[in-house]
Amino acid sequence: MTATGLSVGRPVDAPPARRFRLTTPVLLLGIAGLVVLLSVARVVTGANDITSAGTVSAALGLAVPIGLAGLGGLWSERAGVVNIGLEGMMVLGTWFGAWGALQFHNPWAGVLAGAIGGALGGAVHAVATVTFGVDHIISGVAINIVGLGFTQYLSKLVFDGMPGGGAKQSPPLPSLPTLGIPGIGDPLRSLEARHWFLLSDVAGILRGVTQNVSSFTILAILLVPLTFYLLWRTAFGLRLRACGERPVAAESLGVNVYLYKWLAVLVSGFLAGLGGAFLSIVAAGIYRDGQTGGRGYIGLAAMIFGNWRPGMLAGGATLFGYTDALQLRQGGASVHALLLVVALLLAAVAVYQLVRQRRTRAALFTAIGAIVVFVVFALTHTVPEQFTSFTPHLTTLLVLSLASQRLRMPAADGLPYRRGQTT
């Protein structure tokens, strides 16, 4: 401090730092702006599938297992336990979900069995990390390896020889009911088919989220606000988050840190198992070897993108699900149209960085990125099929790199803890 009371090294006329706050009006405005950009891209490129009901419905289904895995990681890491083993827990969920549905001839029994299978993987992770203090990354990787090998063994033992089954897949599974809002499907379909600017896009999005939605999908969506309420609005959640921030301080106030870490990792495995059960029972209607396809890792990326918060996590899962749905439906044409959306978004970010944040250098690099993406869009007519299959994974890398500057993980996440330690 100087004699005038000002900090040394900070200019007197330096503008105060502006912090972006994601409020409900800002979120709704952002969603509306994104829909407008998608509509512009659809009109310019003619890729009508980027806002069609089929794409939106597929994106919702593809986002659910990623979101459930991300929620599982959120519970675990908020208590201070890194869970790289989400992929293995999802693998267990796919097999046990299929087994439960076939064994009890009820898809909901399969959902519960898949969740329990994932929780068993969580229990192994908790024993290793919480009870015995094993490195969290090593334990998680081991669960991923063991989970894959264990389910392959069980498939050969149980499904091989069943009618329609085999060493790498189960027989067809009973399906869950779908729900929808009656009376609006046909009017929305008619409006979507006219391909009007914005109106048809909104109709397609609404039809995708209100018609033929699996009851499991609705359950998964409800778990997002439930997680927020439990972790941020209850004394239980405060204690659990304290274990991931300051476990020594929590212990000094009478919190059983071991118990809360155990509960968090069990819930983490339970949610990852639910994601696996969704893949086998709802998404495919059958269990297949290697069905998760790395979605446990993408769920971790969605959790990090969401800054360890359930709302932004759901947005990240939806983004990854949407890019996956695009490459599965129209492939190159839809992904090519998405390049225009990315260019417009980068241009908007550059303007925001320059006008609101006064970050000239960051705005310059973002603007250069927008120009490069737009040039690629203008000089091409489609995207090679080899690239479209990589789109979800590329989206994961880009989102994590762009979001890395604003992230704050729990302070004690991944750090070893022993009862009675002083620091």
Protein backbone atom coordinates (compact mmCIF):
# COMPACT_ATOMS: atom_id res chain seq x y z
CA MET A 1 0.00 0.00 0.00
CA THR A 2 1.20 3.54 -0.74
CA ALA A 3 0.64 6.67 1.33
CA THR A 4 -2.50 7.40 -0.68
CA GLY A 5 -3.95 3.99 0.17
CA LEU A 6 -3.76 2.64 -3.38
CA SER A 7 -2.22 -0.69 -4.27
CA VAL A 8 1.20 -0.51 -5.85
CA GLY A 9 1.22 -1.60 -9.49
CA ARG A 10 -2.46 -0.91 -10.14
CA PRO A 11 -3.20 2.22 -12.21
CA VAL A 12 -5.60 4.66 -10.60
CA ASP A 13 -7.81 4.76 -13.67
CA ALA A 14 -7.88 0.99 -14.24
CA PRO A 15 -11.46 -0.14 -14.84
CA PRO A 16 -12.93 -2.55 -12.29
CA ALA A 17 -12.90 -6.19 -13.24
CA ARG A 18 -16.16 -7.35 -14.76
CA ARG A 19 -17.35 -10.80 -13.77
CA PHE A 20 -19.87 -12.60 -15.91
CA ARG A 21 -22.85 -13.92 -13.95
CA LEU A 22 -25.14 -16.53 -15.46
CA THR A 23 -28.60 -15.47 -14.30
CA THR A 24 -31.90 -16.88 -15.51
CA PRO A 25 -32.64 -13.94 -17.88
CA VAL A 26 -29.13 -14.19 -19.35
CA LEU A 27 -29.56 -17.95 -19.82
CA LEU A 28 -32.92 -17.54 -21.57
CA LEU A 29 -31.51 -14.77 -23.76
CA GLY A 30 -28.55 -16.97 -24.67
CA ILE A 31 -30.83 -19.88 -25.62
CA ALA A 32 -32.98 -17.58 -27.75
CA GLY A 33 -29.90 -16.17 -29.48
CA LEU A 34 -28.60 -19.68 -30.19
CA VAL A 35 -31.92 -20.68 -31.76
CA VAL A 36 -31.76 -17.59 -33.98
CA LEU A 37 -28.22 -18.48 -35.09
CA LEU A 38 -29.28 -22.05 -35.88
CA SER A 39 -32.22 -20.72 -37.88
CA VAL A 40 -29.93 -18.40 -39.86
CA ALA A 41 -27.57 -21.30 -40.59
CA ARG A 42 -30.48 -23.49 -41.68
CA VAL A 43 -31.83 -20.86 -44.09
CA VAL A 44 -28.40 -20.09 -45.55
CA THR A 45 -27.22 -23.69 -45.98
CA GLY A 46 -30.50 -25.54 -46.49
CA ALA A 47 -29.52 -28.12 -43.83
CA ASN A 48 -33.03 -28.42 -42.42
CA ASP A 49 -32.03 -31.20 -40.07
CA ILE A 50 -30.06 -29.00 -37.68
CA THR A 51 -33.29 -27.91 -35.94
CA SER A 52 -35.58 -30.79 -36.89
CA ALA A 53 -37.59 -32.70 -34.29
CA GLY A 54 -35.66 -35.86 -35.13
CA THR A 55 -32.31 -34.24 -34.41
CA VAL A 56 -33.55 -32.64 -31.19
CA SER A 57 -35.05 -35.93 -30.00
CA ALA A 58 -31.85 -37.80 -30.85
CA ALA A 59 -29.74 -35.13 -29.12
CA LEU A 60 -31.87 -35.45 -25.99
CA GLY A 61 -31.42 -39.22 -25.95
CA LEU A 62 -27.68 -38.98 -26.55
CA ALA A 63 -27.28 -36.33 -23.85
CA VAL A 64 -28.92 -38.38 -21.09
CA PRO A 65 -26.14 -40.97 -20.49
CA ILE A 66 -23.49 -38.23 -20.74
CA GLY A 67 -25.41 -36.07 -18.28
CA LEU A 68 -25.92 -38.93 -15.83
CA ALA A 69 -22.21 -39.77 -15.93
CA GLY A 70 -21.42 -36.10 -15.40
CA LEU A 71 -23.78 -35.92 -12.42
CA GLY A 72 -22.03 -38.96 -10.99
CA GLY A 73 -18.68 -37.24 -11.33
CA LEU A 74 -20.14 -34.10 -9.76
CA TRP A 75 -21.27 -35.95 -6.61
CA SER A 76 -17.93 -37.67 -6.20
CA GLU A 77 -15.69 -34.69 -6.86
CA ARG A 78 -17.74 -32.31 -4.72
CA ALA A 79 -16.80 -34.63 -1.85
CA GLY A 80 -13.13 -34.56 -2.87
CA VAL A 81 -12.84 -37.91 -4.70
CA VAL A 82 -11.80 -37.86 -8.37
CA ASN A 83 -13.77 -40.49 -10.28
CA ILE A 84 -12.05 -41.45 -13.52
CA GLY A 85 -13.82 -44.81 -13.21
CA LEU A 86 -17.16 -43.47 -14.48
CA GLU A 87 -16.66 -45.29 -17.78
CA GLY A 88 -16.23 -48.65 -16.04
CA MET A 89 -19.26 -47.98 -13.82
CA MET A 90 -21.32 -47.18 -16.92
CA VAL A 91 -20.14 -50.45 -18.50
CA LEU A 92 -21.36 -52.30 -15.41
CA GLY A 93 -24.65 -50.42 -15.70
CA THR A 94 -25.18 -51.52 -19.30
CA TRP A 95 -24.73 -55.21 -18.47
CA PHE A 96 -26.63 -55.30 -15.20
CA GLY A 97 -29.42 -53.21 -16.72
CA ALA A 98 -29.87 -55.74 -19.51
CA TRP A 99 -29.62 -58.67 -17.10
CA GLY A 100 -32.19 -57.17 -14.71
CA ALA A 101 -34.66 -56.40 -17.50
CA LEU A 102 -34.43 -59.97 -18.83
CA GLN A 103 -34.35 -61.67 -15.44
CA PHE A 104 -37.47 -59.92 -14.09
CA HIS A 105 -39.16 -59.25 -17.46
CA ASN A 106 -39.49 -55.60 -16.49
CA PRO A 107 -37.47 -52.68 -17.90
CA TRP A 108 -37.72 -50.71 -14.65
CA ALA A 109 -36.16 -53.65 -12.82
CA GLY A 110 -33.35 -53.38 -15.35
CA VAL A 111 -32.97 -49.67 -14.60
CA LEU A 112 -32.63 -50.43 -10.89
CA ALA A 113 -30.24 -53.34 -11.53
CA GLY A 114 -28.06 -51.13 -13.75
CA ALA A 115 -27.90 -48.46 -11.06
CA ILE A 116 -26.93 -51.08 -8.46
CA GLY A 117 -24.26 -52.45 -10.80
CA GLY A 118 -22.76 -48.98 -11.14
CA ALA A 119 -22.96 -48.50 -7.36
CA LEU A 120 -20.96 -51.71 -6.91
CA GLY A 121 -18.21 -50.15 -9.00
CA GLY A 122 -18.52 -47.03 -6.86
CA ALA A 123 -18.14 -49.14 -3.71
CA VAL A 124 -14.89 -50.61 -5.05
CA HIS A 125 -13.63 -47.10 -5.82
CA ALA A 126 -14.62 -45.90 -2.33
CA VAL A 127 -12.86 -48.81 -0.62
CA ALA A 128 -9.68 -48.10 -2.58
CA THR A 129 -9.61 -44.30 -2.34
CA VAL A 130 -11.46 -43.40 0.86
CA THR A 131 -10.67 -46.37 3.09
CA PHE A 132 -7.19 -47.35 1.91
CA GLY A 133 -5.99 -44.07 0.42
CA VAL A 134 -5.13 -45.42 -3.04
CA ASP A 135 -4.41 -42.78 -5.69
CA HIS A 136 -7.75 -41.78 -7.21
CA ILE A 137 -6.58 -41.92 -10.83
CA ILE A 138 -5.05 -45.38 -10.45
CA SER A 139 -8.20 -46.73 -8.82
CA GLY A 140 -10.42 -45.23 -11.52
CA VAL A 141 -8.36 -46.61 -14.38
CA ALA A 142 -8.37 -50.04 -12.72
CA ILE A 143 -12.19 -49.95 -12.47
CA ASN A 144 -12.45 -49.08 -16.17
CA ILE A 145 -10.28 -52.06 -17.11
CA VAL A 146 -11.89 -54.51 -14.68
CA GLY A 147 -15.43 -53.37 -15.53
CA LEU A 148 -14.92 -54.07 -19.23
CA GLY A 149 -13.34 -57.48 -18.65
CA PHE A 150 -15.90 -58.49 -16.02
CA THR A 151 -18.89 -57.72 -18.24
CA GLN A 152 -17.32 -59.58 -21.17
CA TYR A 153 -16.96 -62.63 -18.94
CA LEU A 154 -20.54 -62.32 -17.68
CA SER A 155 -21.88 -61.98 -21.24
CA LYS A 156 -20.28 -65.24 -22.27
CA LEU A 157 -21.54 -66.88 -19.09
CA VAL A 158 -25.14 -65.62 -19.16
CA PHE A 159 -26.19 -64.36 -22.60
CA ASP A 160 -24.36 -66.86 -24.80
CA GLY A 161 -26.88 -69.54 -25.71
CA MET A 162 -29.99 -67.44 -25.08
CA PRO A 163 -32.31 -66.98 -28.09
CA GLY A 164 -31.10 -63.82 -29.83
CA GLY A 165 -28.14 -63.49 -27.46
CA GLY A 166 -24.46 -64.20 -27.81
CA ALA A 167 -21.05 -63.84 -26.28
CA LYS A 168 -21.04 -60.09 -26.96
CA GLN A 169 -24.70 -59.13 -26.79
CA SER A 170 -27.94 -59.85 -24.99
CA PRO A 171 -31.33 -60.82 -26.40
CA PRO A 172 -33.67 -57.89 -27.19
CA LEU A 173 -34.82 -56.10 -24.04
CA PRO A 174 -38.31 -54.98 -23.00
CA SER A 175 -38.88 -51.29 -23.70
CA LEU A 176 -39.94 -48.43 -21.47
CA PRO A 177 -43.05 -46.35 -22.23
CA THR A 178 -42.77 -43.00 -24.00
CA LEU A 179 -44.69 -39.87 -23.08
CA GLY A 180 -45.80 -36.76 -24.95
CA ILE A 181 -48.05 -33.74 -24.69
CA PRO A 182 -51.24 -34.62 -26.60
CA GLY A 183 -52.77 -32.39 -29.24
CA ILE A 184 -49.70 -30.40 -30.30
CA GLY A 185 -47.71 -32.93 -32.31
CA ASP A 186 -49.49 -32.52 -35.65
CA PRO A 187 -49.68 -28.69 -35.61
CA LEU A 188 -45.97 -28.49 -34.75
CA ARG A 189 -45.11 -30.99 -37.51
CA SER A 190 -47.08 -28.93 -40.03
CA LEU A 191 -45.37 -25.71 -38.99
CA GLU A 192 -41.93 -27.35 -39.05
CA ALA A 193 -42.50 -28.66 -42.59
CA ARG A 194 -42.98 -25.10 -43.94
CA HIS A 195 -39.32 -24.25 -43.20
CA TRP A 196 -40.11 -20.68 -42.20
CA PHE A 197 -37.39 -18.62 -40.56
CA LEU A 198 -37.33 -19.13 -36.77
CA LEU A 199 -40.98 -20.25 -36.46
CA SER A 200 -40.31 -23.64 -38.06
CA ASP A 201 -37.13 -24.03 -36.01
CA VAL A 202 -38.95 -23.38 -32.75
CA ALA A 203 -41.68 -25.83 -33.83
CA GLY A 204 -39.10 -28.53 -34.56
CA ILE A 205 -37.36 -28.03 -31.22
CA LEU A 206 -40.65 -28.08 -29.29
CA ARG A 207 -41.83 -31.23 -31.08
CA GLY A 208 -38.53 -32.94 -30.32
CA VAL A 209 -38.79 -32.30 -26.57
CA THR A 210 -42.54 -32.88 -26.16
CA GLN A 211 -43.31 -35.95 -28.27
CA ASN A 212 -42.30 -39.59 -27.77
CA VAL A 213 -39.96 -38.84 -24.88
CA SER A 214 -38.89 -41.85 -22.84
CA SER A 215 -40.02 -41.87 -19.23
CA PHE A 216 -36.39 -42.66 -18.31
CA THR A 217 -35.35 -39.39 -20.02
CA ILE A 218 -37.79 -37.43 -17.87
CA LEU A 219 -36.42 -39.15 -14.75
CA ALA A 220 -32.86 -38.23 -15.78
CA ILE A 221 -33.82 -34.58 -16.36
CA LEU A 222 -35.44 -34.37 -12.92
CA LEU A 223 -32.21 -35.59 -11.33
CA VAL A 224 -30.49 -32.32 -12.32
CA PRO A 225 -32.61 -29.97 -10.13
CA LEU A 226 -32.75 -32.66 -7.44
CA THR A 227 -28.94 -32.74 -7.33
CA PHE A 228 -28.80 -28.94 -7.11
CA TYR A 229 -31.32 -28.90 -4.27
CA LEU A 230 -29.59 -31.63 -2.27
CA LEU A 231 -26.07 -30.27 -2.63
CA TRP A 232 -26.74 -26.52 -2.43
CA ARG A 233 -29.93 -26.14 -0.40
CA THR A 234 -29.62 -28.71 2.41
CA ALA A 235 -27.37 -29.21 5.43
CA PHE A 236 -26.42 -32.61 4.03
CA GLY A 237 -25.14 -31.00 0.83
CA LEU A 238 -23.21 -28.35 2.76
CA ARG A 239 -21.41 -31.03 4.77
CA LEU A 240 -20.67 -33.08 1.66
CA ARG A 241 -19.24 -30.09 -0.21
CA ALA A 242 -17.21 -29.14 2.85
CA CYS A 243 -15.52 -32.54 2.59
CA GLY A 244 -14.34 -31.58 -0.89
CA GLU A 245 -13.24 -28.08 0.08
CA ARG A 246 -11.85 -28.24 3.64
CA PRO A 247 -12.13 -31.78 5.06
CA VAL A 248 -10.02 -30.95 8.13
CA ALA A 249 -12.29 -28.02 8.99
CA ALA A 250 -15.36 -30.19 8.38
CA GLU A 251 -13.99 -32.86 10.72
CA SER A 252 -13.35 -30.24 13.41
CA LEU A 253 -17.06 -29.36 13.26
CA GLY A 254 -18.13 -32.96 13.80
CA VAL A 255 -18.65 -34.08 10.18
CA ASN A 256 -17.85 -37.74 9.52
CA VAL A 257 -15.73 -37.07 6.44
CA TYR A 258 -15.23 -40.74 5.59
CA LEU A 259 -18.99 -41.38 5.66
CA TYR A 260 -19.80 -38.45 3.38
CA LYS A 261 -17.07 -39.38 0.90
CA TRP A 262 -18.36 -42.95 0.86
CA LEU A 263 -21.94 -41.80 0.25
CA ALA A 264 -20.84 -39.44 -2.53
CA VAL A 265 -18.87 -42.12 -4.39
CA LEU A 266 -21.73 -44.62 -4.05
CA VAL A 267 -24.19 -42.08 -5.49
CA SER A 268 -21.65 -41.36 -8.22
CA GLY A 269 -21.56 -45.02 -9.23
CA PHE A 270 -25.37 -45.24 -8.93
CA LEU A 271 -25.84 -42.36 -11.40
CA ALA A 272 -23.20 -43.70 -13.80
CA GLY A 273 -24.93 -47.08 -13.68
CA LEU A 274 -28.21 -45.36 -14.56
CA GLY A 275 -26.47 -43.88 -17.60
CA GLY A 276 -25.30 -47.31 -18.63
CA ALA A 277 -28.77 -48.79 -18.16
CA PHE A 278 -30.18 -46.04 -20.39
CA LEU A 279 -27.80 -47.05 -23.17
CA SER A 280 -28.81 -50.70 -23.14
CA ILE A 281 -32.53 -50.43 -22.32
CA VAL A 282 -33.62 -47.17 -24.01
CA ALA A 283 -31.01 -46.12 -26.59
CA ALA A 284 -30.39 -49.54 -28.15
CA GLY A 285 -32.95 -51.96 -26.69
CA ILE A 286 -30.15 -54.49 -26.37
CA TYR A 287 -26.83 -54.88 -24.55
CA ARG A 288 -23.70 -54.92 -26.70
CA ASP A 289 -20.05 -55.18 -25.76
CA GLY A 290 -18.36 -51.75 -25.74
CA GLN A 291 -21.69 -49.95 -25.76
CA THR A 292 -20.59 -46.92 -23.73
CA GLY A 293 -18.20 -45.66 -26.42
CA GLY A 294 -16.28 -43.39 -24.05
CA ARG A 295 -19.36 -41.55 -22.78
CA GLY A 296 -18.08 -41.79 -19.22
CA TYR A 297 -15.08 -39.69 -20.21
CA ILE A 298 -17.28 -37.23 -22.11
CA GLY A 299 -19.46 -37.01 -18.99
CA LEU A 300 -16.35 -35.96 -17.05
CA ALA A 301 -15.72 -33.31 -19.70
CA ALA A 302 -19.31 -32.07 -19.34
CA MET A 303 -18.82 -31.85 -15.57
CA ILE A 304 -15.63 -29.80 -15.98
CA PHE A 305 -17.29 -27.58 -18.61
CA GLY A 306 -20.12 -27.02 -16.13
CA ASN A 307 -17.60 -25.90 -13.48
CA TRP A 308 -18.78 -28.61 -11.11
CA ARG A 309 -22.34 -27.21 -11.17
CA PRO A 310 -25.38 -29.27 -12.29
CA GLY A 311 -27.04 -26.62 -14.49
CA MET A 312 -24.04 -25.91 -16.70
CA LEU A 313 -23.23 -29.63 -16.66
CA ALA A 314 -26.63 -30.31 -18.24
CA GLY A 315 -25.87 -27.68 -20.88
CA GLY A 316 -22.54 -29.32 -21.67
CA ALA A 317 -24.16 -32.75 -21.96
CA THR A 318 -26.78 -31.31 -24.32
CA LEU A 319 -24.06 -29.75 -26.47
CA PHE A 320 -22.17 -33.03 -26.79
CA GLY A 321 -25.40 -34.92 -27.45
CA TYR A 322 -26.39 -32.43 -30.16
CA THR A 323 -23.10 -32.69 -32.05
CA ASP A 324 -23.32 -36.48 -31.83
CA ALA A 325 -26.89 -36.40 -33.18
CA LEU A 326 -25.87 -34.22 -36.12
CA GLN A 327 -23.11 -36.54 -37.28
CA LEU A 328 -25.42 -39.55 -36.94
CA ARG A 329 -28.24 -38.06 -39.03
CA GLN A 330 -27.21 -35.90 -41.99
CA GLY A 331 -23.49 -36.18 -41.32
CA GLY A 332 -21.36 -33.87 -43.43
CA ALA A 333 -24.12 -31.44 -44.48
CA SER A 334 -25.30 -30.75 -40.94
CA VAL A 335 -21.80 -30.44 -39.49
CA HIS A 336 -20.92 -28.08 -42.36
CA ALA A 337 -23.88 -25.87 -41.42
CA LEU A 338 -22.69 -25.98 -37.82
CA LEU A 339 -19.43 -24.32 -38.95
CA LEU A 340 -21.39 -21.17 -39.75
CA VAL A 341 -22.95 -21.22 -36.29
CA VAL A 342 -19.51 -21.60 -34.71
CA ALA A 343 -18.13 -18.69 -36.75
CA LEU A 344 -21.02 -16.43 -35.68
CA LEU A 345 -20.63 -17.48 -32.04
CA LEU A 346 -16.91 -16.77 -32.07
CA ALA A 347 -17.57 -13.35 -33.61
CA ALA A 348 -20.09 -12.58 -30.86
CA VAL A 349 -17.60 -13.69 -28.19
CA ALA A 350 -14.92 -11.46 -29.73
CA VAL A 351 -17.24 -8.45 -29.59
CA TYR A 352 -18.12 -9.22 -25.96
CA GLN A 353 -14.46 -9.55 -24.98
CA LEU A 354 -13.61 -6.26 -26.65
CA VAL A 355 -16.58 -4.16 -25.51
CA ARG A 356 -17.44 -5.56 -22.09
CA GLN A 357 -14.20 -7.11 -20.83
CA ARG A 358 -11.66 -4.78 -22.51
CA ARG A 359 -9.56 -7.83 -23.43
CA THR A 360 -8.12 -6.67 -26.74
CA ARG A 361 -5.67 -9.53 -27.27
CA ALA A 362 -8.24 -12.22 -26.44
CA ALA A 363 -10.78 -10.54 -28.73
CA LEU A 364 -8.21 -10.48 -31.54
CA PHE A 365 -7.45 -14.21 -31.29
CA THR A 366 -11.15 -15.04 -31.07
CA ALA A 367 -11.90 -12.90 -34.13
CA ILE A 368 -9.11 -14.65 -36.07
CA GLY A 369 -10.65 -17.99 -35.10
CA ALA A 370 -14.05 -16.80 -36.34
CA ILE A 371 -12.56 -15.71 -39.68
CA VAL A 372 -10.74 -19.03 -40.13
CA VAL A 373 -13.90 -21.05 -39.42
CA PHE A 374 -15.95 -18.87 -41.78
CA VAL A 375 -13.38 -19.24 -44.57
CA VAL A 376 -13.47 -23.02 -44.18
CA PHE A 377 -17.28 -22.88 -44.32
CA ALA A 378 -17.26 -20.67 -47.42
CA LEU A 379 -14.72 -22.74 -49.35
CA THR A 380 -16.32 -26.14 -48.71
CA HIS A 381 -19.72 -27.64 -49.37
CA THR A 382 -19.61 -30.56 -46.99
CA VAL A 383 -17.45 -32.09 -44.27
CA PRO A 384 -15.68 -35.44 -44.85
CA GLU A 385 -17.33 -38.38 -43.16
CA GLN A 386 -14.12 -39.20 -41.30
CA PHE A 387 -14.25 -35.78 -39.65
CA THR A 388 -17.96 -35.88 -38.76
CA SER A 389 -17.51 -39.05 -36.70
CA PHE A 390 -14.86 -37.17 -34.70
CA THR A 391 -17.08 -34.11 -34.13
CA PRO A 392 -18.30 -34.98 -30.59
CA HIS A 393 -14.75 -35.62 -29.38
CA LEU A 394 -13.44 -32.46 -31.06
CA THR A 395 -16.26 -30.51 -29.43
CA THR A 396 -15.14 -31.90 -26.06
CA LEU A 397 -11.57 -30.68 -26.61
CA LEU A 398 -12.64 -27.23 -27.84
CA VAL A 399 -15.11 -26.66 -25.02
CA LEU A 400 -12.61 -27.66 -22.35
CA SER A 401 -9.90 -25.43 -23.83
CA LEU A 402 -12.24 -22.42 -24.02
CA ALA A 403 -13.70 -22.98 -20.56
CA SER A 404 -10.42 -23.69 -18.76
CA GLN A 405 -9.80 -20.08 -17.71
CA ARG A 406 -12.95 -19.77 -15.58
CA LEU A 407 -12.89 -23.15 -13.84
CA ARG A 408 -12.53 -23.71 -10.11
CA MET A 409 -12.52 -27.28 -8.93
CA PRO A 410 -13.17 -28.18 -5.27
CA ALA A 411 -10.08 -27.22 -3.28
CA ALA A 412 -9.44 -30.71 -1.85
CA ASP A 413 -10.48 -32.65 -4.95
CA GLY A 414 -8.17 -35.64 -5.36
CA LEU A 415 -6.10 -34.89 -2.27
CA PRO A 416 -5.51 -37.73 0.22
CA TYR A 417 -7.31 -37.42 3.54
CA ARG A 418 -6.69 -39.27 6.81
CA ARG A 419 -8.72 -38.78 9.96
CA GLY A 420 -6.98 -36.53 12.47
CA GLN A 421 -4.63 -34.79 10.04
CA THR A 422 -3.99 -31.11 10.72
CA THR A 423 -3.61 -29.72 7.18
